[in-house]
Amino acid sequence: MGEFFSVACAAAWAMAVVLFRRSGETLPAFELNLFKNLLGLALLVPTVLLTEGLSLPTYTPSQWVIVAVSGVVGIAVADTWYLRALNLMGAARTGVTASLYSPFVILLSILFLGEVLALWQLAGFVLVLGGILLVTWRTNRMDITMRALKLGVAYGAGAVLLMAIGVVMVKPVLEGDDFFWTVALRLAAGTVAMLALVGVAGSGRRVMARYRQPQPWPTVILASFLGTYLSMILWLAGYRLTDASIASVLNETAAAFIVLFSWWVLKEPLSGRRIAGVVLTFAGVFVIVSV
C-alpha cells in the first residue's frame, strides 16, 4: 500500500501543479501557498477529529519539535520556493529540477534512517529518472531570460532539498499511531510560520488585497485541495508504509503525470519523445514495485 499511495500522490500532485501553473499567473507564490495551506488545514481539522478524536498525540518533547520544524521547513519555505520556481520557469524546467528530490531523499535516508536500495530498485530508479528527463527536456531553452532560469533552478533545487529534509526527519514520527495528527500539526506549523511572517513584515494588507482581486478561485480551490489536503495525506501515508527512498522515487512519476494531464487539461501536444518518456517512467515504477 505504501507504493500505491506514493504513486497516487504523484498523480494528485501533478494535477495540482497543472492547476497551480494557471493560478500562479495572477496569484504570487507566497499568497498561493498560504491560501492552499489554510484550506488544507481547514479540511484536516475535521478529518483529525473524525479519525483520532479529541485526544492529543502521545509525542515525546523531541517529536513535537521534529513535527513543527518539519512543517516550517517542508511546507512554509519549500512549497513557497517550489511555486516561485514554477512561476519563473514553468512546469517542464521545474520538473527537471525537481528530479533532484529522490536523490536527496535517498542520500538522507541512507545517512539517517539506515535504508539501502537493492540493485533492482536502483535499476528502476534509473528508468524513472530517464523517463522524467525525456518528458521534460526542451530543445528551445531560451524562451525565458537567463536570470529567471538561474533563479528558478535555485528556488527549485532549494525547495526539493528542504522537502527531502522535512519528510526524512518526520518519517519515524509518521510510523507511530497518530498519523492524521502528525499530518495536521505539520501543516499547522508551516501555516503558523507563514502567518507570523506576514505579521512581522506588516504585509497583511497586501496579502488581503491580492485575495480581493479577481482570481480564478474555482481553479485555486481545486488545486489547493489536490495539492495540500489529498496529496499530503497520500504522500505521508506512502512514507509511513514503505521506505523513504522507495517512496521518493515513486513520487518522481509526477513529472510523467504532469505531461499526461497537461495534454488532457491544457491541450498541450504529446510528442513521441514524451510518450516514450512516460512509458519509460512507468516501466521503472513496475520494476520498483514488482518484487
Protein backbone atom coordinates (compact mmCIF):
# COMPACT_ATOMS: atom_id res chain seq x y z
CA MET A 1 0.00 0.00 0.00
CA GLY A 2 2.92 2.36 0.57
CA GLU A 3 3.90 2.12 -3.08
CA PHE A 4 0.27 2.64 -4.17
CA PHE A 5 -0.11 5.74 -2.00
CA SER A 6 3.16 7.18 -3.35
CA VAL A 7 2.06 6.83 -6.99
CA ALA A 8 -1.43 8.13 -6.17
CA CYS A 9 0.21 11.13 -4.50
CA ALA A 10 2.22 11.78 -7.67
CA ALA A 11 -0.97 11.79 -9.74
CA ALA A 12 -2.80 14.13 -7.36
CA TRP A 13 0.19 16.49 -7.12
CA ALA A 14 0.63 16.51 -10.91
CA MET A 15 -2.94 17.65 -11.47
CA ALA A 16 -2.46 20.28 -8.76
CA VAL A 17 0.74 21.54 -10.46
CA VAL A 18 -1.09 21.96 -13.78
CA LEU A 19 -3.77 23.98 -11.99
CA PHE A 20 -1.24 25.90 -9.84
CA ARG A 21 0.58 26.92 -13.00
CA ARG A 22 -2.61 28.53 -14.24
CA SER A 23 -3.39 30.04 -10.82
CA GLY A 24 0.14 31.42 -10.47
CA GLU A 25 -0.38 33.70 -13.43
CA THR A 26 -2.38 36.06 -11.18
CA LEU A 27 -1.62 34.99 -7.59
CA PRO A 28 2.00 35.22 -6.34
CA ALA A 29 3.73 32.17 -4.86
CA PHE A 30 3.55 33.21 -1.19
CA GLU A 31 -0.12 34.13 -1.28
CA LEU A 32 -0.95 30.96 -3.24
CA ASN A 33 0.95 28.78 -0.76
CA LEU A 34 -0.68 30.48 2.24
CA PHE A 35 -4.16 30.02 0.78
CA LYS A 36 -3.64 26.35 -0.06
CA ASN A 37 -2.26 25.69 3.43
CA LEU A 38 -5.19 27.45 5.15
CA LEU A 39 -7.67 25.47 3.05
CA GLY A 40 -5.81 22.21 3.69
CA LEU A 41 -5.75 22.90 7.43
CA ALA A 42 -9.48 23.69 7.45
CA LEU A 43 -10.12 20.29 5.84
CA LEU A 44 -7.68 18.41 8.09
CA VAL A 45 -9.20 19.61 11.38
CA PRO A 46 -12.49 17.68 10.92
CA THR A 47 -10.53 14.77 9.46
CA VAL A 48 -8.44 14.55 12.64
CA LEU A 49 -11.50 14.82 14.88
CA LEU A 50 -13.26 12.03 12.99
CA THR A 51 -10.26 9.69 12.85
CA GLU A 52 -8.28 10.45 16.02
CA GLY A 53 -10.78 12.11 18.36
CA LEU A 54 -10.00 14.94 20.78
CA SER A 55 -7.04 13.27 22.50
CA LEU A 56 -3.73 14.93 21.68
CA PRO A 57 -0.97 12.75 20.19
CA THR A 58 1.37 10.97 22.58
CA TYR A 59 4.55 12.60 21.28
CA THR A 60 7.75 12.94 23.22
CA PRO A 61 9.05 16.54 23.54
CA SER A 62 11.60 15.88 20.77
CA GLN A 63 8.86 14.57 18.47
CA TRP A 64 6.83 17.75 18.95
CA VAL A 65 9.88 19.73 17.85
CA ILE A 66 10.51 17.44 14.86
CA VAL A 67 6.92 17.74 13.60
CA ALA A 68 6.98 21.54 13.96
CA VAL A 69 10.36 22.02 12.28
CA SER A 70 9.39 19.61 9.50
CA GLY A 71 6.30 21.70 8.80
CA VAL A 72 8.14 25.01 8.75
CA VAL A 73 10.95 23.72 6.54
CA GLY A 74 8.97 21.42 4.27
CA ILE A 75 5.78 23.47 3.86
CA ALA A 76 6.23 27.15 4.73
CA VAL A 77 9.57 27.54 2.95
CA ALA A 78 9.83 24.63 0.50
CA ASP A 79 6.34 24.94 -1.04
CA THR A 80 6.73 28.71 -1.46
CA TRP A 81 10.07 28.23 -3.21
CA TYR A 82 8.60 25.47 -5.43
CA LEU A 83 5.70 27.68 -6.54
CA ARG A 84 8.14 30.52 -7.14
CA ALA A 85 10.23 28.25 -9.38
CA LEU A 86 7.07 27.19 -11.20
CA ASN A 87 6.18 30.82 -11.91
CA LEU A 88 9.73 31.68 -13.02
CA MET A 89 10.48 28.83 -15.43
CA GLY A 90 7.32 26.78 -15.98
CA ALA A 91 6.33 23.21 -15.23
CA ALA A 92 8.79 21.47 -17.58
CA ARG A 93 12.01 23.00 -16.23
CA THR A 94 10.71 22.81 -12.66
CA GLY A 95 10.08 19.13 -13.28
CA VAL A 96 13.70 18.62 -14.35
CA THR A 97 14.98 20.44 -11.26
CA ALA A 98 12.57 18.53 -9.01
CA SER A 99 14.23 15.29 -10.18
CA LEU A 100 16.83 16.08 -7.52
CA TYR A 101 14.22 15.22 -4.89
CA SER A 102 14.64 11.44 -4.85
CA PRO A 103 18.48 11.55 -4.82
CA PHE A 104 18.26 13.94 -1.85
CA VAL A 105 15.81 11.64 -0.02
CA ILE A 106 17.82 8.50 -0.82
CA LEU A 107 21.04 10.09 0.44
CA LEU A 108 19.40 11.38 3.64
CA SER A 109 17.63 8.05 4.20
CA ILE A 110 20.91 6.16 3.91
CA LEU A 111 22.65 8.58 6.27
CA PHE A 112 19.94 8.98 8.92
CA LEU A 113 17.46 6.09 8.55
CA GLY A 114 19.83 3.27 7.62
CA GLU A 115 17.94 2.42 4.41
CA VAL A 116 19.60 0.67 1.46
CA LEU A 117 18.30 0.32 -2.10
CA ALA A 118 18.56 -3.13 -3.70
CA LEU A 119 20.16 -3.44 -7.14
CA TRP A 120 16.82 -3.93 -8.91
CA GLN A 121 15.43 -0.86 -7.15
CA LEU A 122 18.40 1.20 -8.33
CA ALA A 123 17.67 -0.02 -11.88
CA GLY A 124 14.07 1.14 -11.52
CA PHE A 125 15.29 4.49 -10.18
CA VAL A 126 17.47 4.97 -13.29
CA LEU A 127 14.50 4.15 -15.55
CA VAL A 128 12.25 6.63 -13.73
CA LEU A 129 14.80 9.46 -13.94
CA GLY A 130 15.49 8.66 -17.60
CA GLY A 131 11.78 8.86 -18.36
CA ILE A 132 11.45 12.17 -16.50
CA LEU A 133 14.29 13.69 -18.48
CA LEU A 134 12.63 12.58 -21.73
CA VAL A 135 9.24 14.08 -20.88
CA THR A 136 10.56 17.38 -19.51
CA TRP A 137 13.58 18.18 -21.68
CA ARG A 138 13.20 21.04 -24.15
CA THR A 139 15.46 21.83 -27.06
CA ASN A 140 14.45 25.50 -27.00
CA ARG A 141 15.91 26.72 -23.73
CA MET A 142 15.85 30.48 -24.33
CA ASP A 143 12.13 31.22 -24.05
CA ILE A 144 12.84 32.79 -20.65
CA THR A 145 15.63 35.10 -19.51
CA MET A 146 18.86 33.66 -18.11
CA ARG A 147 18.21 35.44 -14.79
CA ALA A 148 14.76 33.81 -14.49
CA LEU A 149 16.28 30.43 -15.34
CA LYS A 150 19.03 30.75 -12.69
CA LEU A 151 16.59 31.96 -10.04
CA GLY A 152 14.12 29.22 -10.95
CA VAL A 153 16.75 26.49 -10.67
CA ALA A 154 17.96 27.88 -7.33
CA TYR A 155 14.44 28.05 -5.89
CA GLY A 156 13.51 24.63 -7.31
CA ALA A 157 16.65 22.85 -6.05
CA GLY A 158 16.36 24.52 -2.66
CA ALA A 159 12.68 23.58 -2.43
CA VAL A 160 13.19 19.86 -3.10
CA LEU A 161 16.16 19.73 -0.70
CA LEU A 162 14.04 21.21 2.10
CA MET A 163 11.15 18.87 1.21
CA ALA A 164 13.54 15.92 1.48
CA ILE A 165 14.88 17.11 4.84
CA GLY A 166 11.36 17.69 6.16
CA VAL A 167 9.98 14.28 5.22
CA VAL A 168 13.04 12.25 6.26
CA MET A 169 13.14 13.86 9.70
CA VAL A 170 9.41 13.24 10.32
CA LYS A 171 9.27 9.65 8.99
CA PRO A 172 9.94 7.99 12.40
CA VAL A 173 7.06 10.01 13.88
CA LEU A 174 4.75 9.03 11.00
CA GLU A 175 5.29 5.38 11.82
CA GLY A 176 3.55 5.88 15.18
CA ASP A 177 -0.17 5.70 15.96
CA ASP A 178 -1.08 9.38 15.47
CA PHE A 179 -0.85 9.64 11.68
CA PHE A 180 -3.53 12.25 11.00
CA TRP A 181 -2.43 14.33 13.99
CA THR A 182 1.09 14.35 12.54
CA VAL A 183 -0.18 15.41 9.10
CA ALA A 184 -2.34 18.18 10.57
CA LEU A 185 0.19 19.51 13.10
CA ARG A 186 2.93 19.55 10.49
CA LEU A 187 0.72 21.62 8.18
CA ALA A 188 -0.35 23.83 11.10
CA ALA A 189 3.29 24.57 11.96
CA GLY A 190 4.03 25.62 8.40
CA THR A 191 0.89 27.76 8.19
CA VAL A 192 1.53 29.49 11.53
CA ALA A 193 5.09 30.28 10.42
CA MET A 194 3.75 31.93 7.26
CA LEU A 195 1.17 33.94 9.21
CA ALA A 196 3.87 35.02 11.66
CA LEU A 197 5.98 36.23 8.74
CA VAL A 198 3.03 38.23 7.43
CA GLY A 199 2.64 39.81 10.87
CA VAL A 200 6.34 40.62 11.30
CA ALA A 201 6.63 42.06 7.80
CA GLY A 202 3.39 44.01 8.14
CA SER A 203 2.21 42.67 4.78
CA GLY A 204 -1.30 41.63 5.85
CA ARG A 205 -2.98 44.36 3.81
CA ARG A 206 -1.00 43.42 0.71
CA VAL A 207 -1.92 39.76 1.08
CA MET A 208 -5.61 40.54 1.58
CA ALA A 209 -5.54 42.91 -1.37
CA ARG A 210 -4.26 40.05 -3.54
CA TYR A 211 -7.12 37.85 -2.36
CA ARG A 212 -9.69 40.56 -3.08
CA GLN A 213 -8.52 40.91 -6.67
CA PRO A 214 -10.26 38.80 -9.33
CA GLN A 215 -8.73 35.32 -9.20
CA PRO A 216 -9.65 32.00 -10.83
CA TRP A 217 -10.97 30.83 -7.45
CA PRO A 218 -12.51 27.51 -8.59
CA THR A 219 -9.14 26.54 -10.07
CA VAL A 220 -7.24 27.77 -6.99
CA ILE A 221 -9.55 25.86 -4.61
CA LEU A 222 -9.39 22.62 -6.61
CA ALA A 223 -5.60 22.87 -6.92
CA SER A 224 -5.29 23.56 -3.19
CA PHE A 225 -7.49 20.58 -2.30
CA LEU A 226 -5.48 18.25 -4.53
CA GLY A 227 -2.06 19.75 -3.76
CA THR A 228 -2.38 20.15 0.01
CA TYR A 229 -5.13 18.04 1.56
CA LEU A 230 -5.28 14.96 -0.69
CA SER A 231 -1.69 14.73 -1.92
CA MET A 232 -0.22 15.45 1.54
CA ILE A 233 -2.21 12.61 3.12
CA LEU A 234 -1.21 10.24 0.30
CA TRP A 235 2.40 11.47 0.37
CA LEU A 236 2.91 10.95 4.08
CA ALA A 237 0.98 7.66 4.03
CA GLY A 238 3.41 6.41 1.39
CA TYR A 239 6.38 7.37 3.56
CA ARG A 240 4.77 5.74 6.56
CA LEU A 241 4.17 2.40 4.86
CA THR A 242 7.32 1.97 2.75
CA ASP A 243 10.98 3.02 2.79
CA ALA A 244 11.52 6.75 2.24
CA SER A 245 13.93 6.01 -0.62
CA ILE A 246 11.29 3.94 -2.47
CA ALA A 247 8.51 6.45 -1.84
CA SER A 248 10.66 9.31 -3.14
CA VAL A 249 11.39 7.52 -6.43
CA LEU A 250 7.69 6.76 -6.95
CA ASN A 251 6.84 10.40 -6.18
CA GLU A 252 9.02 11.35 -9.17
CA THR A 253 6.36 9.90 -11.51
CA ALA A 254 4.53 13.21 -11.02
CA ALA A 255 6.55 14.55 -13.96
CA ALA A 256 5.04 11.92 -16.26
CA PHE A 257 1.56 12.57 -14.90
CA ILE A 258 2.07 16.31 -15.49
CA VAL A 259 2.69 15.60 -19.19
CA LEU A 260 -0.47 13.49 -19.44
CA PHE A 261 -2.62 15.98 -17.53
CA SER A 262 -1.23 18.94 -19.49
CA TRP A 263 -2.29 17.13 -22.67
CA TRP A 264 -5.73 16.37 -21.21
CA VAL A 265 -6.48 19.66 -19.39
CA LEU A 266 -4.36 22.27 -21.19
CA LYS A 267 -4.46 20.58 -24.63
CA GLU A 268 -0.66 20.60 -24.90
CA PRO A 269 0.65 18.33 -27.71
CA LEU A 270 2.10 14.89 -26.93
CA SER A 271 5.29 14.22 -28.89
CA GLY A 272 6.75 10.77 -29.49
CA ARG A 273 9.63 11.61 -27.14
CA ARG A 274 7.25 12.50 -24.32
CA ILE A 275 5.19 9.35 -24.84
CA ALA A 276 8.41 7.31 -24.70
CA GLY A 277 9.37 9.11 -21.51
CA VAL A 278 6.02 8.33 -19.88
CA VAL A 279 6.36 4.65 -20.84
CA LEU A 280 9.94 4.54 -19.51
CA THR A 281 8.90 6.19 -16.25
CA PHE A 282 6.14 3.72 -15.53
CA ALA A 283 8.38 0.85 -16.59
CA GLY A 284 10.71 1.98 -13.82
CA VAL A 285 7.79 2.05 -11.36
CA PHE A 286 6.89 -1.51 -12.37
CA VAL A 287 10.46 -2.64 -11.73
CA ILE A 288 10.49 -1.00 -8.29
CA VAL A 289 7.20 -2.44 -7.06
CA SER A 290 7.27 -5.82 -8.81
CA VAL A 291 9.47 -7.64 -6.27
